[in-house]
Amino acid sequence: KHKNYEKNCDCFCNIIVYLSSPFAYIFSKVQPNLKLPFGIETALTAIVFFGLGYLFNSQQTLILSFIKSKWKLILPLLTSIWLIFAQINFNIYDHQIDLRLNRLDNYFLFYGAAISGIIVTILTSIKIKNNVVLEYLGKKSLVLFVWHALVSIYVTKFFLLFLSQNTIWELKNVYLAPLYTIIEIVVILLVGYIISRIKKYAFSSKITT
């Protein structure tokens, strides 16, 4: 009885999770400027990915064995779907997806690109295995997330010295995006390192005095 109860609860939760996705999308189209408390409209979209994570965890052995055995087919196929769907969505609506604003544009292109990108990331991580640089960036991911938007503003101001606003807008999402990412990572980590050294020096000075 206990197992049947858990199974029924899981089934009910899955239905709620995946019904929340179309509801959130319809809400974003009907009331695009209405923001609910605590970003509930965004949470209804994002919770689908938590549901997929739970599903992956419950069937981890089976899923991993499949993608590992078929990775030569899956990796290029899903990478193509990810990039093509994302590019089509951008070309149609002429702006980036913004989950924070619950701006998803085309429902199927959004989830197709997102899920494909997640699987590509997992598969790439499996093939790379251990990597000192990526592990270090992973430890600093929260710091990078918090400060990247601020640094991006100043990177744009720098590029405006050489390029027009329209040129930056046209190139940023595809060609300049990797450059933005590299500059933001380097600047944030460099500033963080300098601050940590200053703190360490100030602390050691207090001890000696």
C-alpha atoms as a PDB file:
ATOM      1  CA  LYS A   1       0.000   0.000   0.000  1.00  0.00           C
ATOM      2  CA  HIS A   2       2.843   2.354   0.861  1.00  0.00           C
ATOM      3  CA  LYS A   3       4.510   1.776  -2.517  1.00  0.00           C
ATOM      4  CA  ASN A   4       1.218   2.308  -4.350  1.00  0.00           C
ATOM      5  CA  TYR A   5       0.681   5.529  -2.403  1.00  0.00           C
ATOM      6  CA  GLU A   6       4.169   6.800  -3.367  1.00  0.00           C
ATOM      7  CA  LYS A   7       3.577   5.811  -6.986  1.00  0.00           C
ATOM      8  CA  ASN A   8       0.245   7.669  -7.084  1.00  0.00           C
ATOM      9  CA  CYS A   9       1.841  10.733  -5.468  1.00  0.00           C
ATOM     10  CA  ASP A  10       4.669  10.711  -8.027  1.00  0.00           C
ATOM     11  CA  CYS A  11       2.172  10.385 -10.870  1.00  0.00           C
ATOM     12  CA  PHE A  12       0.057  13.255  -9.509  1.00  0.00           C
ATOM     13  CA  CYS A  13       3.134  15.458  -9.013  1.00  0.00           C
ATOM     14  CA  ASN A  14       4.321  14.726 -12.554  1.00  0.00           C
ATOM     15  CA  ILE A  15       0.937  15.746 -13.969  1.00  0.00           C
ATOM     16  CA  ILE A  16       0.999  19.010 -11.977  1.00  0.00           C
ATOM     17  CA  VAL A  17       4.592  19.770 -13.018  1.00  0.00           C
ATOM     18  CA  TYR A  18       4.055  19.269 -16.729  1.00  0.00           C
ATOM     19  CA  LEU A  19       0.654  20.989 -16.797  1.00  0.00           C
ATOM     20  CA  SER A  20       2.272  24.047 -15.237  1.00  0.00           C
ATOM     21  CA  SER A  21       4.402  24.506 -18.353  1.00  0.00           C
ATOM     22  CA  PRO A  22       1.618  25.219 -20.907  1.00  0.00           C
ATOM     23  CA  PHE A  23      -0.234  27.240 -18.267  1.00  0.00           C
ATOM     24  CA  ALA A  24       2.826  29.449 -17.726  1.00  0.00           C
ATOM     25  CA  TYR A  25       3.289  29.852 -21.476  1.00  0.00           C
ATOM     26  CA  ILE A  26      -0.345  30.862 -22.028  1.00  0.00           C
ATOM     27  CA  PHE A  27      -0.049  33.266 -19.091  1.00  0.00           C
ATOM     28  CA  SER A  28       3.062  34.855 -20.658  1.00  0.00           C
ATOM     29  CA  LYS A  29       1.121  35.470 -23.873  1.00  0.00           C
ATOM     30  CA  VAL A  30      -2.119  36.695 -22.307  1.00  0.00           C
ATOM     31  CA  GLN A  31      -0.517  38.848 -19.594  1.00  0.00           C
ATOM     32  CA  PRO A  32       3.104  39.457 -20.673  1.00  0.00           C
ATOM     33  CA  ASN A  33       3.566  42.485 -18.408  1.00  0.00           C
ATOM     34  CA  LEU A  34       1.904  41.079 -15.289  1.00  0.00           C
ATOM     35  CA  LYS A  35       4.390  39.854 -12.687  1.00  0.00           C
ATOM     36  CA  LEU A  36       3.194  37.640  -9.853  1.00  0.00           C
ATOM     37  CA  PRO A  37       4.687  37.624  -6.325  1.00  0.00           C
ATOM     38  CA  PHE A  38       7.981  35.737  -5.978  1.00  0.00           C
ATOM     39  CA  GLY A  39       8.153  35.249  -9.760  1.00  0.00           C
ATOM     40  CA  ILE A  40       5.532  32.484  -9.711  1.00  0.00           C
ATOM     41  CA  GLU A  41       4.944  32.799 -13.476  1.00  0.00           C
ATOM     42  CA  THR A  42       8.644  32.096 -14.073  1.00  0.00           C
ATOM     43  CA  ALA A  43       8.712  29.276 -11.518  1.00  0.00           C
ATOM     44  CA  LEU A  44       5.884  27.494 -13.363  1.00  0.00           C
ATOM     45  CA  THR A  45       8.085  27.401 -16.451  1.00  0.00           C
ATOM     46  CA  ALA A  46      11.305  26.486 -14.654  1.00  0.00           C
ATOM     47  CA  ILE A  47       9.757  23.708 -12.538  1.00  0.00           C
ATOM     48  CA  VAL A  48       9.564  21.540 -15.662  1.00  0.00           C
ATOM     49  CA  PHE A  49      13.342  21.292 -15.643  1.00  0.00           C
ATOM     50  CA  PHE A  50      13.294  20.185 -12.001  1.00  0.00           C
ATOM     51  CA  GLY A  51      10.771  17.529 -13.008  1.00  0.00           C
ATOM     52  CA  LEU A  52      13.037  16.361 -15.822  1.00  0.00           C
ATOM     53  CA  GLY A  53      15.951  16.273 -13.367  1.00  0.00           C
ATOM     54  CA  TYR A  54      13.929  14.071 -11.012  1.00  0.00           C
ATOM     55  CA  LEU A  55      13.007  11.786 -13.917  1.00  0.00           C
ATOM     56  CA  PHE A  56      16.644  11.604 -14.977  1.00  0.00           C
ATOM     57  CA  ASN A  57      17.753  10.772 -11.441  1.00  0.00           C
ATOM     58  CA  SER A  58      15.167   7.993 -11.096  1.00  0.00           C
ATOM     59  CA  GLN A  59      16.246   6.422 -14.404  1.00  0.00           C
ATOM     60  CA  GLN A  60      19.878   7.541 -14.316  1.00  0.00           C
ATOM     61  CA  THR A  61      21.522   4.178 -14.993  1.00  0.00           C
ATOM     62  CA  LEU A  62      19.292   3.390 -17.969  1.00  0.00           C
ATOM     63  CA  ILE A  63      19.537   6.873 -19.521  1.00  0.00           C
ATOM     64  CA  LEU A  64      23.307   7.186 -19.050  1.00  0.00           C
ATOM     65  CA  SER A  65      23.984   3.744 -20.528  1.00  0.00           C
ATOM     66  CA  PHE A  66      21.914   4.668 -23.577  1.00  0.00           C
ATOM     67  CA  ILE A  67      23.490   8.067 -24.262  1.00  0.00           C
ATOM     68  CA  LYS A  68      26.982   6.692 -23.634  1.00  0.00           C
ATOM     69  CA  SER A  69      26.448   3.901 -26.162  1.00  0.00           C
ATOM     70  CA  LYS A  70      24.907   6.226 -28.769  1.00  0.00           C
ATOM     71  CA  TRP A  71      26.889   9.399 -28.049  1.00  0.00           C
ATOM     72  CA  LYS A  72      28.413   9.634 -31.556  1.00  0.00           C
ATOM     73  CA  LEU A  73      24.884   9.934 -32.957  1.00  0.00           C
ATOM     74  CA  ILE A  74      23.229  11.831 -30.096  1.00  0.00           C
ATOM     75  CA  LEU A  75      25.867  14.556 -29.622  1.00  0.00           C
ATOM     76  CA  PRO A  76      25.907  16.000 -33.192  1.00  0.00           C
ATOM     77  CA  LEU A  77      22.153  15.482 -33.618  1.00  0.00           C
ATOM     78  CA  LEU A  78      21.120  17.274 -30.419  1.00  0.00           C
ATOM     79  CA  THR A  79      23.776  19.965 -30.862  1.00  0.00           C
ATOM     80  CA  SER A  80      22.273  20.723 -34.287  1.00  0.00           C
ATOM     81  CA  ILE A  81      18.720  20.767 -32.868  1.00  0.00           C
ATOM     82  CA  TRP A  82      19.822  23.010 -30.001  1.00  0.00           C
ATOM     83  CA  LEU A  83      21.539  25.600 -32.229  1.00  0.00           C
ATOM     84  CA  ILE A  84      18.967  25.509 -35.053  1.00  0.00           C
ATOM     85  CA  PHE A  85      15.943  25.810 -32.745  1.00  0.00           C
ATOM     86  CA  ALA A  86      17.560  28.628 -30.761  1.00  0.00           C
ATOM     87  CA  GLN A  87      18.518  30.497 -33.937  1.00  0.00           C
ATOM     88  CA  ILE A  88      15.056  30.083 -35.495  1.00  0.00           C
ATOM     89  CA  ASN A  89      13.407  31.340 -32.302  1.00  0.00           C
ATOM     90  CA  PHE A  90      15.705  34.362 -32.255  1.00  0.00           C
ATOM     91  CA  ASN A  91      15.192  35.107 -35.968  1.00  0.00           C
ATOM     92  CA  ILE A  92      11.407  34.966 -35.639  1.00  0.00           C
ATOM     93  CA  TYR A  93      11.111  37.225 -32.575  1.00  0.00           C
ATOM     94  CA  ASP A  94      14.362  39.225 -32.905  1.00  0.00           C
ATOM     95  CA  HIS A  95      15.319  38.986 -29.247  1.00  0.00           C
ATOM     96  CA  GLN A  96      16.783  36.526 -26.775  1.00  0.00           C
ATOM     97  CA  ILE A  97      14.845  34.158 -24.573  1.00  0.00           C
ATOM     98  CA  ASP A  98      14.537  35.612 -21.072  1.00  0.00           C
ATOM     99  CA  LEU A  99      13.314  33.167 -18.449  1.00  0.00           C
ATOM    100  CA  ARG A 100      13.433  35.874 -15.779  1.00  0.00           C
ATOM    101  CA  LEU A 101      10.800  37.821 -17.726  1.00  0.00           C
ATOM    102  CA  ASN A 102       8.999  34.601 -18.718  1.00  0.00           C
ATOM    103  CA  ARG A 103       9.658  35.518 -22.357  1.00  0.00           C
ATOM    104  CA  LEU A 104       9.793  32.154 -24.097  1.00  0.00           C
ATOM    105  CA  ASP A 105       8.599  33.108 -27.601  1.00  0.00           C
ATOM    106  CA  ASN A 106       7.823  29.837 -29.429  1.00  0.00           C
ATOM    107  CA  TYR A 107       6.874  27.149 -26.898  1.00  0.00           C
ATOM    108  CA  PHE A 108       8.184  24.124 -28.815  1.00  0.00           C
ATOM    109  CA  LEU A 109      11.367  25.818 -30.015  1.00  0.00           C
ATOM    110  CA  PHE A 110      12.125  26.987 -26.470  1.00  0.00           C
ATOM    111  CA  TYR A 111      11.781  23.588 -24.828  1.00  0.00           C
ATOM    112  CA  GLY A 112      13.337  21.779 -27.786  1.00  0.00           C
ATOM    113  CA  ALA A 113      16.448  23.957 -27.640  1.00  0.00           C
ATOM    114  CA  ALA A 114      16.601  23.933 -23.822  1.00  0.00           C
ATOM    115  CA  ILE A 115      16.269  20.167 -23.387  1.00  0.00           C
ATOM    116  CA  SER A 116      18.656  19.446 -26.271  1.00  0.00           C
ATOM    117  CA  GLY A 117      21.191  21.850 -24.769  1.00  0.00           C
ATOM    118  CA  ILE A 118      20.898  20.203 -21.342  1.00  0.00           C
ATOM    119  CA  ILE A 119      21.511  16.726 -22.772  1.00  0.00           C
ATOM    120  CA  VAL A 120      24.452  18.002 -24.845  1.00  0.00           C
ATOM    121  CA  THR A 121      25.935  19.586 -21.703  1.00  0.00           C
ATOM    122  CA  ILE A 122      25.540  16.351 -19.705  1.00  0.00           C
ATOM    123  CA  LEU A 123      27.019  14.243 -22.498  1.00  0.00           C
ATOM    124  CA  THR A 124      29.921  16.655 -23.037  1.00  0.00           C
ATOM    125  CA  SER A 125      30.626  16.627 -19.284  1.00  0.00           C
ATOM    126  CA  ILE A 126      30.712  12.829 -19.318  1.00  0.00           C
ATOM    127  CA  LYS A 127      33.177  12.752 -22.217  1.00  0.00           C
ATOM    128  CA  ILE A 128      35.414  15.472 -20.730  1.00  0.00           C
ATOM    129  CA  LYS A 129      35.420  13.829 -17.264  1.00  0.00           C
ATOM    130  CA  ASN A 130      37.842  15.720 -14.995  1.00  0.00           C
ATOM    131  CA  ASN A 131      39.013  19.180 -16.019  1.00  0.00           C
ATOM    132  CA  VAL A 132      40.785  21.552 -13.629  1.00  0.00           C
ATOM    133  CA  VAL A 133      39.676  24.742 -15.425  1.00  0.00           C
ATOM    134  CA  LEU A 134      36.007  23.755 -15.648  1.00  0.00           C
ATOM    135  CA  GLU A 135      36.002  22.548 -12.042  1.00  0.00           C
ATOM    136  CA  TYR A 136      37.428  25.914 -10.929  1.00  0.00           C
ATOM    137  CA  LEU A 137      34.814  27.820 -12.961  1.00  0.00           C
ATOM    138  CA  GLY A 138      32.135  25.591 -11.479  1.00  0.00           C
ATOM    139  CA  LYS A 139      33.190  26.572  -7.965  1.00  0.00           C
ATOM    140  CA  LYS A 140      33.022  30.246  -8.991  1.00  0.00           C
ATOM    141  CA  SER A 141      29.743  29.916 -10.908  1.00  0.00           C
ATOM    142  CA  LEU A 142      27.636  31.758  -8.323  1.00  0.00           C
ATOM    143  CA  VAL A 143      30.051  34.716  -8.278  1.00  0.00           C
ATOM    144  CA  LEU A 144      30.083  34.784 -12.087  1.00  0.00           C
ATOM    145  CA  PHE A 145      26.289  34.654 -12.188  1.00  0.00           C
ATOM    146  CA  VAL A 146      25.879  37.536  -9.737  1.00  0.00           C
ATOM    147  CA  TRP A 147      28.356  39.936 -11.404  1.00  0.00           C
ATOM    148  CA  HIS A 148      28.263  39.065 -15.128  1.00  0.00           C
ATOM    149  CA  ALA A 149      25.368  41.405 -15.987  1.00  0.00           C
ATOM    150  CA  LEU A 150      27.149  44.410 -14.453  1.00  0.00           C
ATOM    151  CA  VAL A 151      30.404  43.622 -16.251  1.00  0.00           C
ATOM    152  CA  SER A 152      28.459  43.120 -19.494  1.00  0.00           C
ATOM    153  CA  ILE A 153      27.268  46.752 -19.339  1.00  0.00           C
ATOM    154  CA  TYR A 154      30.853  48.038 -19.255  1.00  0.00           C
ATOM    155  CA  VAL A 155      31.960  45.600 -21.955  1.00  0.00           C
ATOM    156  CA  THR A 156      29.230  47.017 -24.184  1.00  0.00           C
ATOM    157  CA  LYS A 157      30.382  50.570 -23.409  1.00  0.00           C
ATOM    158  CA  PHE A 158      33.901  49.554 -24.425  1.00  0.00           C
ATOM    159  CA  PHE A 159      32.712  48.084 -27.735  1.00  0.00           C
ATOM    160  CA  LEU A 160      30.685  51.253 -28.387  1.00  0.00           C
ATOM    161  CA  LEU A 161      34.010  53.076 -28.776  1.00  0.00           C
ATOM    162  CA  PHE A 162      34.610  51.083 -31.961  1.00  0.00           C
ATOM    163  CA  LEU A 163      31.181  49.815 -33.113  1.00  0.00           C
ATOM    164  CA  SER A 164      27.704  51.278 -33.447  1.00  0.00           C
ATOM    165  CA  GLN A 165      24.835  50.201 -31.161  1.00  0.00           C
ATOM    166  CA  ASN A 166      23.064  48.451 -34.047  1.00  0.00           C
ATOM    167  CA  THR A 167      26.202  46.533 -35.024  1.00  0.00           C
ATOM    168  CA  ILE A 168      26.721  45.335 -31.447  1.00  0.00           C
ATOM    169  CA  TRP A 169      23.064  44.278 -31.207  1.00  0.00           C
ATOM    170  CA  GLU A 170      23.300  42.313 -34.463  1.00  0.00           C
ATOM    171  CA  LEU A 171      26.589  40.602 -33.565  1.00  0.00           C
ATOM    172  CA  LYS A 172      26.245  40.152 -29.797  1.00  0.00           C
ATOM    173  CA  ASN A 173      23.938  37.148 -29.703  1.00  0.00           C
ATOM    174  CA  VAL A 174      26.045  34.995 -32.024  1.00  0.00           C
ATOM    175  CA  TYR A 175      29.504  36.311 -32.814  1.00  0.00           C
ATOM    176  CA  LEU A 176      30.262  38.526 -29.815  1.00  0.00           C
ATOM    177  CA  ALA A 177      28.674  36.239 -27.212  1.00  0.00           C
ATOM    178  CA  PRO A 178      31.779  34.038 -26.736  1.00  0.00           C
ATOM    179  CA  LEU A 179      33.972  37.142 -26.481  1.00  0.00           C
ATOM    180  CA  TYR A 180      31.599  38.704 -23.917  1.00  0.00           C
ATOM    181  CA  THR A 181      31.697  35.479 -21.906  1.00  0.00           C
ATOM    182  CA  ILE A 182      35.494  35.290 -21.882  1.00  0.00           C
ATOM    183  CA  ILE A 183      35.911  38.966 -20.934  1.00  0.00           C
ATOM    184  CA  GLU A 184      33.308  38.732 -18.154  1.00  0.00           C
ATOM    185  CA  ILE A 185      34.921  35.605 -16.661  1.00  0.00           C
ATOM    186  CA  VAL A 186      38.428  37.070 -16.784  1.00  0.00           C
ATOM    187  CA  VAL A 187      37.400  40.437 -15.297  1.00  0.00           C
ATOM    188  CA  ILE A 188      35.289  38.958 -12.480  1.00  0.00           C
ATOM    189  CA  LEU A 189      37.891  36.365 -11.484  1.00  0.00           C
ATOM    190  CA  LEU A 190      40.713  38.900 -11.709  1.00  0.00           C
ATOM    191  CA  VAL A 191      38.880  41.437  -9.530  1.00  0.00           C
ATOM    192  CA  GLY A 192      37.979  38.661  -7.077  1.00  0.00           C
ATOM    193  CA  TYR A 193      41.612  37.560  -6.907  1.00  0.00           C
ATOM    194  CA  ILE A 194      42.843  41.134  -6.308  1.00  0.00           C
ATOM    195  CA  ILE A 195      40.255  41.676  -3.554  1.00  0.00           C
ATOM    196  CA  SER A 196      41.201  38.386  -1.866  1.00  0.00           C
ATOM    197  CA  ARG A 197      44.896  39.335  -1.967  1.00  0.00           C
ATOM    198  CA  ILE A 198      44.152  42.772  -0.492  1.00  0.00           C
ATOM    199  CA  LYS A 199      42.113  41.186   2.310  1.00  0.00           C
ATOM    200  CA  LYS A 200      44.866  38.659   2.982  1.00  0.00           C
ATOM    201  CA  TYR A 201      47.510  41.399   3.055  1.00  0.00           C
ATOM    202  CA  ALA A 202      45.399  43.581   5.352  1.00  0.00           C
ATOM    203  CA  PHE A 203      44.742  40.646   7.689  1.00  0.00           C
ATOM    204  CA  SER A 204      48.430  39.673   7.833  1.00  0.00           C
ATOM    205  CA  SER A 205      49.377  43.329   8.502  1.00  0.00           C
ATOM    206  CA  LYS A 206      47.017  43.458  11.487  1.00  0.00           C
ATOM    207  CA  ILE A 207      48.533  40.286  12.915  1.00  0.00           C
ATOM    208  CA  THR A 208      52.098  41.588  12.609  1.00  0.00           C
ATOM    209  CA  THR A 209      51.199  44.908  14.240  1.00  0.00           C
END
